[in-house]
Amino acid sequence: PNIEAARLLLADAASRSRPNDDHGGEIQTMIIDIRRAYFYAPSQRKTYVRLPPEDPKAADTTLCARLEQSLYGTRDAGANWHAAYSAFLLRVGFQQGSANPCHFTDALRGIKGLVHGDDFLFTGSKAQLSTLRKQFEAEYECKVEVAGYGKGVERSARFLNRVTGFSGFGITFEADQRLVESPGGGSW
């Protein structure tokens, strides 16, 4: 999804949030980064690779290995991962966007989200996001950040190197600091 999709998702969350409500029913964001995402995606077609150097049979150049799971850098890895996470989200109750297959909505739980590679951004109530988090952690090894209003909740989190912040003025979405000009006038 483009960055405007993330902005739209956060604008929707801001319109549904109540910054002064500390009871935990307000809308929050949950950012999930899947570790080694492609290893969760079964290979959809026969793909062969050279044996890695640590394999005892690597010296035999007549041998190769067939991948059962996707491997970063292979032609199909991205498509295989997209199929794997889409199937998971559909299984746990989401509907996939028809205009953009990286957008997902669970109308029953009031959760909206988008995916960029192995990074997920969801908005929803604290209770619903907590349930979704458990579903992700049961399926994948992941890093999860939750930000929003309420007691005991972080006020900011990172999505695609952009900081999403919650303040009394609403939700902010800062630019990727790697792309901002340095104080000396140059850019990286």
Protein backbone atom coordinates (compact mmCIF):
# COMPACT_ATOMS: atom_id res chain seq x y z
CA PRO A 1 0.00 0.00 0.00
CA ASN A 2 1.09 3.55 -0.53
CA ILE A 3 1.74 5.87 2.39
CA GLU A 4 -1.59 7.60 1.81
CA ALA A 5 -3.32 4.34 2.76
CA ALA A 6 -1.56 4.40 6.15
CA ARG A 7 -2.54 8.05 6.60
CA LEU A 8 -6.16 7.23 5.77
CA LEU A 9 -6.17 4.34 8.25
CA LEU A 10 -4.76 6.60 10.98
CA ALA A 11 -7.24 9.39 10.13
CA ASP A 12 -10.06 6.88 10.52
CA ALA A 13 -8.60 5.79 13.86
CA ALA A 14 -8.35 9.43 14.98
CA SER A 15 -12.00 10.02 14.14
CA ARG A 16 -12.98 7.00 16.26
CA SER A 17 -10.65 7.78 19.23
CA ARG A 18 -11.37 9.61 22.45
CA PRO A 19 -8.05 11.02 23.79
CA ASN A 20 -9.33 11.71 27.31
CA ASP A 21 -10.88 8.26 27.85
CA ASP A 22 -8.62 6.12 30.08
CA HIS A 23 -10.97 3.12 30.17
CA GLY A 24 -9.29 1.22 27.30
CA GLY A 25 -12.23 1.20 24.87
CA GLU A 26 -10.71 3.74 22.50
CA ILE A 27 -9.06 2.98 19.20
CA GLN A 28 -5.37 2.06 19.26
CA THR A 29 -2.80 1.05 16.68
CA MET A 30 -0.92 -2.22 16.61
CA ILE A 31 2.17 -2.64 14.48
CA ILE A 32 3.42 -6.16 13.81
CA ASP A 33 6.74 -7.05 12.22
CA ILE A 34 7.02 -10.72 11.24
CA ARG A 35 10.49 -12.16 11.72
CA ARG A 36 11.80 -14.24 8.81
CA ALA A 37 8.44 -13.91 7.08
CA TYR A 38 9.31 -15.82 3.91
CA PHE A 39 10.10 -18.96 5.90
CA TYR A 40 6.39 -19.15 6.81
CA ALA A 41 5.39 -19.23 3.14
CA PRO A 42 5.36 -22.62 1.43
CA SER A 43 7.01 -22.66 -1.97
CA GLN A 44 4.31 -22.75 -4.64
CA ARG A 45 6.48 -24.21 -7.38
CA LYS A 46 9.59 -26.33 -7.62
CA THR A 47 12.62 -24.21 -6.79
CA TYR A 48 16.12 -25.64 -6.54
CA VAL A 49 19.19 -24.09 -4.93
CA ARG A 50 22.83 -25.00 -4.43
CA LEU A 51 23.60 -26.71 -1.17
CA PRO A 52 24.82 -24.25 1.46
CA PRO A 53 28.56 -24.46 2.32
CA GLU A 54 27.82 -25.82 5.81
CA ASP A 55 26.09 -28.89 4.36
CA PRO A 56 28.41 -31.92 4.53
CA LYS A 57 27.56 -32.77 0.90
CA ALA A 58 28.14 -29.22 -0.45
CA ALA A 59 31.38 -30.21 -2.17
CA ASP A 60 29.44 -32.52 -4.51
CA THR A 61 28.41 -30.06 -7.26
CA THR A 62 26.04 -32.63 -8.78
CA LEU A 63 23.66 -32.21 -5.83
CA CYS A 64 21.12 -29.47 -5.16
CA ALA A 65 18.28 -28.85 -2.72
CA ARG A 66 14.59 -28.31 -3.36
CA LEU A 67 12.97 -25.56 -1.30
CA GLU A 68 9.87 -26.46 0.66
CA GLN A 69 9.53 -22.95 2.09
CA SER A 70 10.23 -19.63 0.41
CA LEU A 71 13.67 -18.11 0.60
CA TYR A 72 14.43 -14.40 0.53
CA GLY A 73 15.76 -13.41 -2.86
CA THR A 74 13.95 -16.07 -4.86
CA ARG A 75 11.59 -14.92 -7.58
CA ASP A 76 8.41 -16.21 -5.91
CA ALA A 77 9.14 -15.34 -2.27
CA GLY A 78 7.02 -12.18 -2.15
CA ALA A 79 4.02 -13.75 -3.87
CA ASN A 80 4.26 -16.84 -1.64
CA TRP A 81 4.36 -14.69 1.52
CA HIS A 82 1.38 -12.63 0.28
CA ALA A 83 -0.61 -15.85 -0.24
CA ALA A 84 0.39 -17.17 3.22
CA TYR A 85 -0.52 -14.07 5.25
CA SER A 86 -3.70 -13.47 3.23
CA ALA A 87 -4.86 -17.02 3.96
CA PHE A 88 -4.10 -16.52 7.67
CA LEU A 89 -6.01 -13.22 7.88
CA LEU A 90 -9.00 -14.66 6.00
CA ARG A 91 -8.98 -17.65 8.36
CA VAL A 92 -9.16 -15.40 11.46
CA GLY A 93 -12.11 -13.39 10.11
CA PHE A 94 -10.78 -10.62 7.88
CA GLN A 95 -12.00 -9.63 4.45
CA GLN A 96 -9.44 -8.64 1.85
CA GLY A 97 -9.77 -5.35 0.01
CA SER A 98 -10.99 -5.59 -3.56
CA ALA A 99 -9.26 -2.41 -4.73
CA ASN A 100 -6.00 -3.23 -2.94
CA PRO A 101 -5.21 -6.77 -1.74
CA CYS A 102 -2.95 -5.35 1.02
CA HIS A 103 -5.95 -3.89 2.90
CA PHE A 104 -7.92 -5.99 5.36
CA THR A 105 -11.03 -5.38 7.45
CA ASP A 106 -12.73 -7.38 10.18
CA ALA A 107 -16.11 -5.64 10.46
CA LEU A 108 -17.30 -7.81 13.36
CA ARG A 109 -14.33 -6.85 15.55
CA GLY A 110 -13.99 -3.32 14.18
CA ILE A 111 -10.37 -3.84 13.10
CA LYS A 112 -8.89 -2.30 9.97
CA GLY A 113 -5.41 -2.94 8.68
CA LEU A 114 -2.88 -2.90 5.91
CA VAL A 115 0.25 -4.85 5.07
CA HIS A 116 3.55 -3.77 3.56
CA GLY A 117 5.86 -6.74 3.07
CA ASP A 118 6.21 -8.26 6.53
CA ASP A 119 4.93 -5.17 8.39
CA PHE A 120 1.29 -4.93 9.46
CA LEU A 121 -0.59 -1.87 10.76
CA PHE A 122 -3.95 -2.43 12.45
CA THR A 123 -6.39 -0.10 14.21
CA GLY A 124 -9.07 -1.21 16.61
CA SER A 125 -10.09 -1.33 20.25
CA LYS A 126 -7.62 -2.46 22.90
CA ALA A 127 -9.53 -5.70 23.56
CA GLN A 128 -9.89 -6.63 19.89
CA LEU A 129 -6.24 -5.87 19.09
CA SER A 130 -5.19 -7.98 22.07
CA THR A 131 -7.09 -10.95 20.64
CA LEU A 132 -5.56 -10.38 17.19
CA ARG A 133 -2.10 -10.14 18.73
CA LYS A 134 -2.53 -13.57 20.34
CA GLN A 135 -3.60 -15.00 16.98
CA PHE A 136 -0.49 -13.58 15.28
CA GLU A 137 1.84 -14.76 18.05
CA ALA A 138 0.38 -18.27 17.83
CA GLU A 139 1.07 -18.35 14.07
CA TYR A 140 4.32 -16.36 13.65
CA GLU A 141 7.38 -15.16 15.50
CA CYS A 142 6.83 -11.42 15.56
CA LYS A 143 7.61 -8.11 17.18
CA VAL A 144 4.51 -6.17 18.28
CA GLU A 145 4.11 -2.52 19.25
CA VAL A 146 0.83 -1.05 20.48
CA ALA A 147 0.24 2.67 20.77
CA GLY A 148 -2.77 4.76 21.67
CA TYR A 149 -4.59 6.46 24.51
CA GLY A 150 -5.28 5.02 27.92
CA LYS A 151 -3.33 4.01 30.99
CA GLY A 152 -0.33 1.77 30.47
CA VAL A 153 -0.27 2.23 26.70
CA GLU A 154 2.69 3.63 24.77
CA ARG A 155 2.02 6.96 23.06
CA SER A 156 4.04 6.15 19.93
CA ALA A 157 5.15 3.27 17.71
CA ARG A 158 7.05 2.85 14.42
CA PHE A 159 5.60 1.67 11.11
CA LEU A 160 7.90 1.64 8.06
CA ASN A 161 10.37 3.88 9.94
CA ARG A 162 7.66 6.46 10.54
CA VAL A 163 6.61 7.35 14.06
CA THR A 164 2.90 7.18 14.82
CA GLY A 165 2.17 9.30 17.90
CA PHE A 166 -0.89 9.88 20.06
CA SER A 167 -1.32 13.24 21.79
CA GLY A 168 -4.10 15.47 23.07
CA PHE A 169 -4.24 16.97 19.57
CA GLY A 170 -4.83 13.66 17.81
CA ILE A 171 -2.68 11.17 15.94
CA THR A 172 0.53 12.23 14.22
CA PHE A 173 2.44 10.39 11.52
CA GLU A 174 6.02 11.61 11.10
CA ALA A 175 8.18 11.27 8.02
CA ASP A 176 10.88 8.62 7.75
CA GLN A 177 13.86 10.32 9.39
CA ARG A 178 16.26 8.76 6.88
CA LEU A 179 14.58 10.81 4.16
CA VAL A 180 14.58 14.16 5.98
CA GLU A 181 17.24 16.70 5.08
CA SER A 182 20.02 17.10 7.61
CA PRO A 183 20.44 20.45 9.47
CA GLY A 184 23.50 21.21 7.31
CA GLY A 185 21.32 21.44 4.22
CA GLY A 186 22.35 18.15 2.62
CA SER A 187 20.36 14.98 2.42
CA TRP A 188 21.58 11.49 3.01
